[in-house]
Amino acid sequence: MSSTDNTDNTENTRIVLVVQCAQVTDQVCPGCLCEHAFTARTGGFTRYHGMENIRYNAFSCGGCPGRPVLRKLINYKRNLKKRENLSPDVVTVHLSSCITKSNHHGPRCPHIDYIKRQVGETGFRCVEDSRISAKSEEHRQAGRYS
């Protein structure tokens, strides 16, 4: 059974998958800041501080409303079992901050609950956030982003 909240039940994580907004990644973001936050264990990745040997992979949601997420994760799950004999409990899916938070790229994704349900169907854990921009946090606190 998967968790679709931000509880810190990720101690068995060996693989982190980051789902990024297709519009943002297609137009402006190559994903390097999320990868850097993962490597530095900052932002949404602080839960992995001190944990080594965790693999990282990022992919886009495929566009609104995010229907390809389920197909991509089912394929990932199938290959994980077939090629490495690993179960879903070693995978944690992070919905990137461009999906979970309002920022200069746009508002919080209106399809986030749908995407979370898709992740839940795979048996993978689902948590929110990747890189947390200090400037965007400041704007959210000031009420500039809804």
N, C-alpha and C. Protein backbone atom coordinates (compact mmCIF):
# COMPACT_ATOMS: atom_id res chain seq x y z
N MET A 1 0.85 -1.18 0.00
CA MET A 1 0.00 0.00 0.00
C MET A 1 0.89 1.23 0.00
N SER A 2 0.49 2.24 -0.70
CA SER A 2 1.32 3.44 -0.80
C SER A 2 0.82 4.53 0.12
N SER A 3 1.70 5.47 0.35
CA SER A 3 1.34 6.64 1.12
C SER A 3 1.33 7.83 0.17
N THR A 4 0.28 8.60 0.19
CA THR A 4 0.22 9.77 -0.67
C THR A 4 0.19 11.04 0.16
N ASP A 5 1.01 11.07 1.17
CA ASP A 5 1.12 12.28 1.96
C ASP A 5 2.59 12.55 2.23
N ASN A 6 2.86 13.54 3.04
CA ASN A 6 4.23 13.92 3.29
C ASN A 6 4.83 13.28 4.54
N THR A 7 4.23 12.22 5.06
CA THR A 7 4.81 11.57 6.22
C THR A 7 6.17 11.01 5.84
N ASP A 8 7.07 11.03 6.78
CA ASP A 8 8.44 10.63 6.50
C ASP A 8 8.63 9.13 6.69
N ASN A 9 8.04 8.34 5.81
CA ASN A 9 8.16 6.89 5.88
C ASN A 9 9.04 6.38 4.73
N THR A 10 10.12 7.09 4.49
CA THR A 10 10.95 6.82 3.32
C THR A 10 12.27 6.13 3.67
N GLU A 11 12.37 5.55 4.83
CA GLU A 11 13.64 4.97 5.25
C GLU A 11 14.11 3.80 4.40
N ASN A 12 13.21 3.13 3.67
CA ASN A 12 13.60 2.02 2.80
C ASN A 12 13.88 2.46 1.37
N THR A 13 13.82 3.75 1.13
CA THR A 13 13.95 4.25 -0.24
C THR A 13 15.34 3.96 -0.80
N ARG A 14 15.33 3.38 -1.99
CA ARG A 14 16.57 3.16 -2.74
C ARG A 14 16.52 3.88 -4.08
N ILE A 15 15.31 4.27 -4.49
CA ILE A 15 15.13 4.97 -5.75
C ILE A 15 14.16 6.12 -5.55
N VAL A 16 14.54 7.32 -6.00
CA VAL A 16 13.68 8.49 -5.98
C VAL A 16 13.32 8.81 -7.42
N LEU A 17 12.02 8.87 -7.69
CA LEU A 17 11.52 9.29 -8.99
C LEU A 17 10.85 10.65 -8.81
N VAL A 18 11.21 11.60 -9.64
CA VAL A 18 10.64 12.94 -9.56
C VAL A 18 9.77 13.18 -10.77
N VAL A 19 8.50 13.47 -10.52
CA VAL A 19 7.56 13.81 -11.59
C VAL A 19 7.51 15.32 -11.69
N GLN A 20 7.87 15.83 -12.87
CA GLN A 20 7.91 17.27 -13.10
C GLN A 20 6.80 17.69 -14.06
N CYS A 21 6.38 18.93 -13.95
CA CYS A 21 5.35 19.49 -14.83
C CYS A 21 5.87 19.54 -16.27
N ALA A 22 5.13 18.95 -17.18
CA ALA A 22 5.56 18.91 -18.58
C ALA A 22 5.66 20.30 -19.18
N GLN A 23 4.71 21.18 -18.87
CA GLN A 23 4.76 22.52 -19.43
C GLN A 23 6.02 23.26 -18.98
N VAL A 24 6.37 23.13 -17.71
CA VAL A 24 7.55 23.80 -17.19
C VAL A 24 8.81 23.19 -17.78
N THR A 25 8.91 21.87 -17.80
CA THR A 25 10.13 21.24 -18.32
C THR A 25 10.27 21.42 -19.82
N ASP A 26 9.16 21.46 -20.55
CA ASP A 26 9.23 21.67 -22.00
C ASP A 26 9.65 23.10 -22.34
N GLN A 27 9.28 24.05 -21.49
CA GLN A 27 9.49 25.45 -21.85
C GLN A 27 10.72 26.09 -21.19
N VAL A 28 10.99 25.77 -19.92
CA VAL A 28 12.06 26.52 -19.25
C VAL A 28 12.99 25.70 -18.35
N CYS A 29 12.54 24.62 -17.80
CA CYS A 29 13.32 23.96 -16.74
C CYS A 29 13.93 22.64 -17.19
N PRO A 30 15.26 22.54 -17.16
CA PRO A 30 15.90 21.28 -17.50
C PRO A 30 15.96 20.29 -16.33
N GLY A 31 15.50 20.71 -15.15
CA GLY A 31 15.47 19.83 -13.99
C GLY A 31 16.75 19.80 -13.17
N CYS A 32 17.72 20.62 -13.53
CA CYS A 32 19.01 20.57 -12.82
C CYS A 32 18.90 21.05 -11.38
N LEU A 33 17.99 21.98 -11.08
CA LEU A 33 17.88 22.46 -9.70
C LEU A 33 17.25 21.40 -8.79
N CYS A 34 16.31 20.60 -9.32
CA CYS A 34 15.77 19.49 -8.54
C CYS A 34 16.85 18.45 -8.28
N GLU A 35 17.62 18.15 -9.32
CA GLU A 35 18.70 17.17 -9.15
C GLU A 35 19.74 17.69 -8.16
N HIS A 36 20.04 18.97 -8.22
CA HIS A 36 21.00 19.54 -7.27
C HIS A 36 20.46 19.46 -5.84
N ALA A 37 19.17 19.78 -5.66
CA ALA A 37 18.55 19.69 -4.33
C ALA A 37 18.61 18.25 -3.82
N PHE A 38 18.40 17.28 -4.70
CA PHE A 38 18.50 15.88 -4.30
C PHE A 38 19.92 15.55 -3.86
N THR A 39 20.89 15.94 -4.66
CA THR A 39 22.29 15.64 -4.34
C THR A 39 22.71 16.29 -3.03
N ALA A 40 22.25 17.52 -2.79
CA ALA A 40 22.59 18.25 -1.57
C ALA A 40 21.68 17.88 -0.40
N ARG A 41 20.61 17.10 -0.69
CA ARG A 41 19.62 16.70 0.32
C ARG A 41 18.99 17.92 0.98
N THR A 42 18.53 18.86 0.14
CA THR A 42 17.83 20.05 0.61
C THR A 42 16.39 20.02 0.10
N GLY A 43 15.60 21.00 0.52
CA GLY A 43 14.22 21.09 0.08
C GLY A 43 13.44 19.84 0.43
N GLY A 44 12.70 19.32 -0.54
CA GLY A 44 11.89 18.12 -0.31
C GLY A 44 12.70 16.85 -0.12
N PHE A 45 14.02 16.95 -0.28
CA PHE A 45 14.88 15.77 -0.17
C PHE A 45 15.64 15.70 1.16
N THR A 46 15.34 16.59 2.10
CA THR A 46 16.04 16.55 3.40
C THR A 46 15.80 15.24 4.12
N ARG A 47 14.71 14.57 3.83
CA ARG A 47 14.38 13.29 4.48
C ARG A 47 15.43 12.21 4.19
N TYR A 48 16.27 12.43 3.15
CA TYR A 48 17.29 11.44 2.78
C TYR A 48 18.68 11.82 3.28
N HIS A 49 18.75 12.84 4.14
CA HIS A 49 20.05 13.26 4.67
C HIS A 49 20.74 12.07 5.35
N GLY A 50 21.97 11.86 4.98
CA GLY A 50 22.74 10.75 5.56
C GLY A 50 22.51 9.42 4.87
N MET A 51 21.58 9.36 3.95
CA MET A 51 21.32 8.11 3.23
C MET A 51 22.10 8.13 1.92
N GLU A 52 22.89 7.12 1.71
CA GLU A 52 23.71 7.04 0.50
C GLU A 52 23.11 6.02 -0.45
N ASN A 53 23.65 5.97 -1.64
CA ASN A 53 23.27 4.96 -2.64
C ASN A 53 21.78 4.98 -2.99
N ILE A 54 21.23 6.16 -3.12
CA ILE A 54 19.86 6.29 -3.59
C ILE A 54 19.93 6.79 -5.04
N ARG A 55 19.27 6.07 -5.90
CA ARG A 55 19.23 6.47 -7.31
C ARG A 55 18.19 7.56 -7.52
N TYR A 56 18.40 8.36 -8.56
CA TYR A 56 17.54 9.49 -8.88
C TYR A 56 17.14 9.41 -10.35
N ASN A 57 15.86 9.62 -10.62
CA ASN A 57 15.39 9.68 -11.99
C ASN A 57 14.24 10.67 -12.03
N ALA A 58 14.19 11.47 -13.08
CA ALA A 58 13.11 12.46 -13.23
C ALA A 58 12.46 12.29 -14.59
N PHE A 59 11.17 12.55 -14.63
CA PHE A 59 10.43 12.53 -15.90
C PHE A 59 9.25 13.47 -15.78
N SER A 60 8.70 13.84 -16.93
CA SER A 60 7.58 14.77 -16.91
C SER A 60 6.26 14.02 -16.74
N CYS A 61 5.26 14.77 -16.35
CA CYS A 61 3.92 14.20 -16.18
C CYS A 61 3.29 13.86 -17.52
N GLY A 62 3.86 14.37 -18.60
CA GLY A 62 3.34 14.10 -19.93
C GLY A 62 2.32 15.11 -20.42
N GLY A 63 2.01 16.07 -19.60
CA GLY A 63 1.03 17.10 -19.98
C GLY A 63 -0.30 16.89 -19.27
N CYS A 64 -1.04 17.97 -19.19
CA CYS A 64 -2.32 17.95 -18.48
C CYS A 64 -3.28 16.95 -19.11
N PRO A 65 -3.93 16.17 -18.28
CA PRO A 65 -3.99 16.18 -16.82
C PRO A 65 -2.97 15.24 -16.14
N GLY A 66 -1.99 14.75 -16.87
CA GLY A 66 -0.98 13.87 -16.28
C GLY A 66 -1.25 12.40 -16.48
N ARG A 67 -2.04 12.06 -17.47
CA ARG A 67 -2.40 10.65 -17.71
C ARG A 67 -1.20 9.73 -17.91
N PRO A 68 -0.12 10.17 -18.58
CA PRO A 68 1.01 9.26 -18.79
C PRO A 68 1.73 8.82 -17.51
N VAL A 69 1.51 9.51 -16.41
CA VAL A 69 2.20 9.16 -15.17
C VAL A 69 1.96 7.70 -14.81
N LEU A 70 0.73 7.26 -14.86
CA LEU A 70 0.42 5.88 -14.49
C LEU A 70 1.13 4.89 -15.42
N ARG A 71 1.07 5.13 -16.72
CA ARG A 71 1.73 4.23 -17.67
C ARG A 71 3.23 4.19 -17.45
N LYS A 72 3.83 5.34 -17.22
CA LYS A 72 5.28 5.40 -16.99
C LYS A 72 5.66 4.64 -15.71
N LEU A 73 4.88 4.84 -14.66
CA LEU A 73 5.19 4.17 -13.40
C LEU A 73 4.93 2.67 -13.45
N ILE A 74 3.91 2.24 -14.17
CA ILE A 74 3.68 0.80 -14.33
C ILE A 74 4.84 0.17 -15.09
N ASN A 75 5.30 0.84 -16.12
CA ASN A 75 6.45 0.34 -16.87
C ASN A 75 7.70 0.30 -15.99
N TYR A 76 7.91 1.34 -15.18
CA TYR A 76 9.04 1.37 -14.26
C TYR A 76 8.95 0.22 -13.26
N LYS A 77 7.77 0.03 -12.72
CA LYS A 77 7.55 -1.04 -11.74
C LYS A 77 7.82 -2.42 -12.36
N ARG A 78 7.34 -2.62 -13.57
CA ARG A 78 7.55 -3.89 -14.27
C ARG A 78 9.04 -4.15 -14.49
N ASN A 79 9.76 -3.14 -14.95
CA ASN A 79 11.20 -3.30 -15.18
C ASN A 79 11.97 -3.47 -13.88
N LEU A 80 11.54 -2.81 -12.84
CA LEU A 80 12.18 -2.93 -11.53
C LEU A 80 12.10 -4.37 -11.04
N LYS A 81 10.96 -4.98 -11.20
CA LYS A 81 10.76 -6.38 -10.78
C LYS A 81 11.53 -7.33 -11.70
N LYS A 82 11.37 -7.14 -13.00
CA LYS A 82 11.96 -8.05 -13.98
C LYS A 82 13.49 -8.00 -13.99
N ARG A 83 14.06 -6.82 -13.96
CA ARG A 83 15.50 -6.68 -14.14
C ARG A 83 16.30 -6.66 -12.84
N GLU A 84 15.63 -6.25 -11.73
CA GLU A 84 16.36 -6.12 -10.48
C GLU A 84 15.72 -6.86 -9.32
N ASN A 85 14.55 -7.45 -9.56
CA ASN A 85 13.80 -8.15 -8.53
C ASN A 85 13.58 -7.28 -7.28
N LEU A 86 13.22 -6.02 -7.53
CA LEU A 86 12.95 -5.09 -6.44
C LEU A 86 11.45 -4.82 -6.36
N SER A 87 10.98 -4.61 -5.15
CA SER A 87 9.55 -4.36 -4.94
C SER A 87 9.28 -2.86 -4.90
N PRO A 88 8.01 -2.47 -5.02
CA PRO A 88 7.66 -1.04 -5.02
C PRO A 88 8.03 -0.30 -3.74
N ASP A 89 8.22 -1.00 -2.64
CA ASP A 89 8.49 -0.31 -1.38
C ASP A 89 9.87 0.35 -1.32
N VAL A 90 10.72 0.14 -2.33
CA VAL A 90 12.02 0.81 -2.35
C VAL A 90 11.97 2.12 -3.16
N VAL A 91 10.80 2.43 -3.72
CA VAL A 91 10.65 3.61 -4.57
C VAL A 91 9.81 4.67 -3.87
N THR A 92 10.29 5.90 -3.91
CA THR A 92 9.50 7.04 -3.46
C THR A 92 9.38 8.01 -4.63
N VAL A 93 8.15 8.37 -4.94
CA VAL A 93 7.88 9.32 -6.02
C VAL A 93 7.67 10.69 -5.40
N HIS A 94 8.44 11.64 -5.87
CA HIS A 94 8.29 13.03 -5.45
C HIS A 94 7.57 13.78 -6.54
N LEU A 95 6.49 14.45 -6.20
CA LEU A 95 5.88 15.38 -7.14
C LEU A 95 6.66 16.67 -6.98
N SER A 96 7.27 17.13 -8.06
CA SER A 96 8.17 18.27 -8.00
C SER A 96 7.44 19.53 -7.52
N SER A 97 8.22 20.46 -7.05
CA SER A 97 7.66 21.70 -6.53
C SER A 97 6.94 22.51 -7.60
N CYS A 98 7.29 22.32 -8.88
CA CYS A 98 6.55 23.03 -9.93
C CYS A 98 5.14 22.48 -10.08
N ILE A 99 4.89 21.30 -9.51
CA ILE A 99 3.54 20.73 -9.49
C ILE A 99 2.83 21.06 -8.17
N THR A 100 3.57 21.03 -7.07
CA THR A 100 2.95 21.11 -5.75
C THR A 100 2.80 22.51 -5.18
N LYS A 101 3.51 23.48 -5.74
CA LYS A 101 3.49 24.82 -5.17
C LYS A 101 3.29 25.87 -6.27
N SER A 102 2.60 26.93 -5.93
CA SER A 102 2.54 28.08 -6.82
C SER A 102 3.91 28.75 -6.83
N ASN A 103 4.34 29.16 -8.00
CA ASN A 103 5.64 29.81 -8.13
C ASN A 103 5.65 30.67 -9.38
N HIS A 104 6.81 31.18 -9.78
CA HIS A 104 6.86 32.07 -10.94
C HIS A 104 6.53 31.35 -12.25
N HIS A 105 6.57 30.02 -12.25
CA HIS A 105 6.18 29.27 -13.44
C HIS A 105 4.66 29.19 -13.59
N GLY A 106 3.95 29.26 -12.48
CA GLY A 106 2.49 29.18 -12.53
C GLY A 106 1.92 28.69 -11.22
N PRO A 107 0.61 28.48 -11.18
CA PRO A 107 -0.05 28.03 -9.95
C PRO A 107 0.20 26.55 -9.69
N ARG A 108 -0.16 26.12 -8.49
CA ARG A 108 -0.12 24.70 -8.13
C ARG A 108 -0.92 23.93 -9.18
N CYS A 109 -0.48 22.75 -9.52
CA CYS A 109 -1.14 21.95 -10.55
C CYS A 109 -2.59 21.63 -10.16
N PRO A 110 -3.53 21.92 -11.04
CA PRO A 110 -4.93 21.62 -10.72
C PRO A 110 -5.23 20.11 -10.77
N HIS A 111 -4.29 19.32 -11.27
CA HIS A 111 -4.49 17.88 -11.41
C HIS A 111 -3.70 17.07 -10.39
N ILE A 112 -3.20 17.71 -9.36
CA ILE A 112 -2.31 17.04 -8.40
C ILE A 112 -2.98 15.84 -7.72
N ASP A 113 -4.23 15.96 -7.35
CA ASP A 113 -4.90 14.84 -6.69
C ASP A 113 -5.05 13.65 -7.63
N TYR A 114 -5.33 13.91 -8.89
CA TYR A 114 -5.41 12.86 -9.90
C TYR A 114 -4.06 12.16 -10.05
N ILE A 115 -2.98 12.93 -10.11
CA ILE A 115 -1.64 12.35 -10.25
C ILE A 115 -1.29 11.53 -9.01
N LYS A 116 -1.63 12.03 -7.84
CA LYS A 116 -1.37 11.28 -6.60
C LYS A 116 -2.10 9.94 -6.61
N ARG A 117 -3.34 9.92 -7.09
CA ARG A 117 -4.09 8.66 -7.16
C ARG A 117 -3.41 7.67 -8.10
N GLN A 118 -2.88 8.19 -9.20
CA GLN A 118 -2.18 7.32 -10.14
C GLN A 118 -0.94 6.70 -9.49
N VAL A 119 -0.18 7.51 -8.79
CA VAL A 119 1.00 6.99 -8.09
C VAL A 119 0.56 5.93 -7.09
N GLY A 120 -0.51 6.20 -6.35
CA GLY A 120 -1.02 5.25 -5.37
C GLY A 120 -1.39 3.91 -5.97
N GLU A 121 -1.89 3.91 -7.21
CA GLU A 121 -2.26 2.66 -7.87
C GLU A 121 -1.05 1.76 -8.13
N THR A 122 0.12 2.32 -8.17
CA THR A 122 1.33 1.52 -8.46
C THR A 122 1.93 0.88 -7.21
N GLY A 123 1.53 1.37 -6.05
CA GLY A 123 2.12 0.86 -4.81
C GLY A 123 3.35 1.63 -4.38
N PHE A 124 3.74 2.65 -5.16
CA PHE A 124 4.88 3.48 -4.77
C PHE A 124 4.43 4.52 -3.76
N ARG A 125 5.33 4.91 -2.86
CA ARG A 125 5.06 6.04 -1.96
C ARG A 125 5.05 7.31 -2.78
N CYS A 126 4.26 8.27 -2.36
CA CYS A 126 4.18 9.55 -3.05
C CYS A 126 4.31 10.66 -2.01
N VAL A 127 5.25 11.57 -2.25
CA VAL A 127 5.43 12.73 -1.38
C VAL A 127 5.50 13.98 -2.25
N GLU A 128 5.30 15.10 -1.63
CA GLU A 128 5.34 16.36 -2.36
C GLU A 128 6.69 17.03 -2.21
N ASP A 129 7.04 17.77 -3.22
CA ASP A 129 8.15 18.72 -3.25
C ASP A 129 9.50 18.12 -3.65
N SER A 130 10.26 18.97 -4.27
CA SER A 130 11.62 18.67 -4.68
C SER A 130 12.48 19.85 -4.23
N ARG A 131 12.89 20.68 -5.15
CA ARG A 131 13.64 21.88 -4.78
C ARG A 131 12.67 22.92 -4.23
N ILE A 132 13.06 23.57 -3.16
CA ILE A 132 12.25 24.64 -2.59
C ILE A 132 13.01 25.96 -2.79
N SER A 133 12.49 26.81 -3.65
CA SER A 133 13.12 28.10 -3.93
C SER A 133 12.85 29.07 -2.78
N ALA A 134 13.91 29.64 -2.24
CA ALA A 134 13.76 30.61 -1.16
C ALA A 134 12.98 31.83 -1.63
N LYS A 135 13.25 32.27 -2.84
CA LYS A 135 12.54 33.45 -3.37
C LYS A 135 11.06 33.15 -3.56
N SER A 136 10.72 31.97 -4.08
CA SER A 136 9.31 31.62 -4.24
C SER A 136 8.63 31.47 -2.88
N GLU A 137 9.33 30.91 -1.90
CA GLU A 137 8.77 30.80 -0.54
C GLU A 137 8.46 32.19 0.01
N GLU A 138 9.36 33.12 -0.23
CA GLU A 138 9.15 34.50 0.23
C GLU A 138 7.90 35.09 -0.42
N HIS A 139 7.73 34.86 -1.72
CA HIS A 139 6.54 35.35 -2.42
C HIS A 139 5.27 34.67 -1.91
N ARG A 140 5.34 33.37 -1.62
CA ARG A 140 4.15 32.69 -1.07
C ARG A 140 3.79 33.25 0.28
N GLN A 141 4.77 33.49 1.13
CA GLN A 141 4.52 34.04 2.46
C GLN A 141 3.91 35.45 2.36
N ALA A 142 4.31 36.21 1.37
CA ALA A 142 3.81 37.58 1.19
C ALA A 142 2.46 37.59 0.49
N GLY A 143 1.96 36.41 0.08
CA GLY A 143 0.67 36.32 -0.56
C GLY A 143 0.67 36.64 -2.05
N ARG A 144 1.84 36.69 -2.66
CA ARG A 144 1.93 36.99 -4.09
C ARG A 144 1.54 35.81 -4.95
N TYR A 145 1.71 34.60 -4.40
CA TYR A 145 1.27 33.38 -5.08
C TYR A 145 0.13 32.78 -4.28
N SER A 146 -0.86 32.32 -4.97
CA SER A 146 -2.01 31.73 -4.25
C SER A 146 -1.70 30.35 -3.76
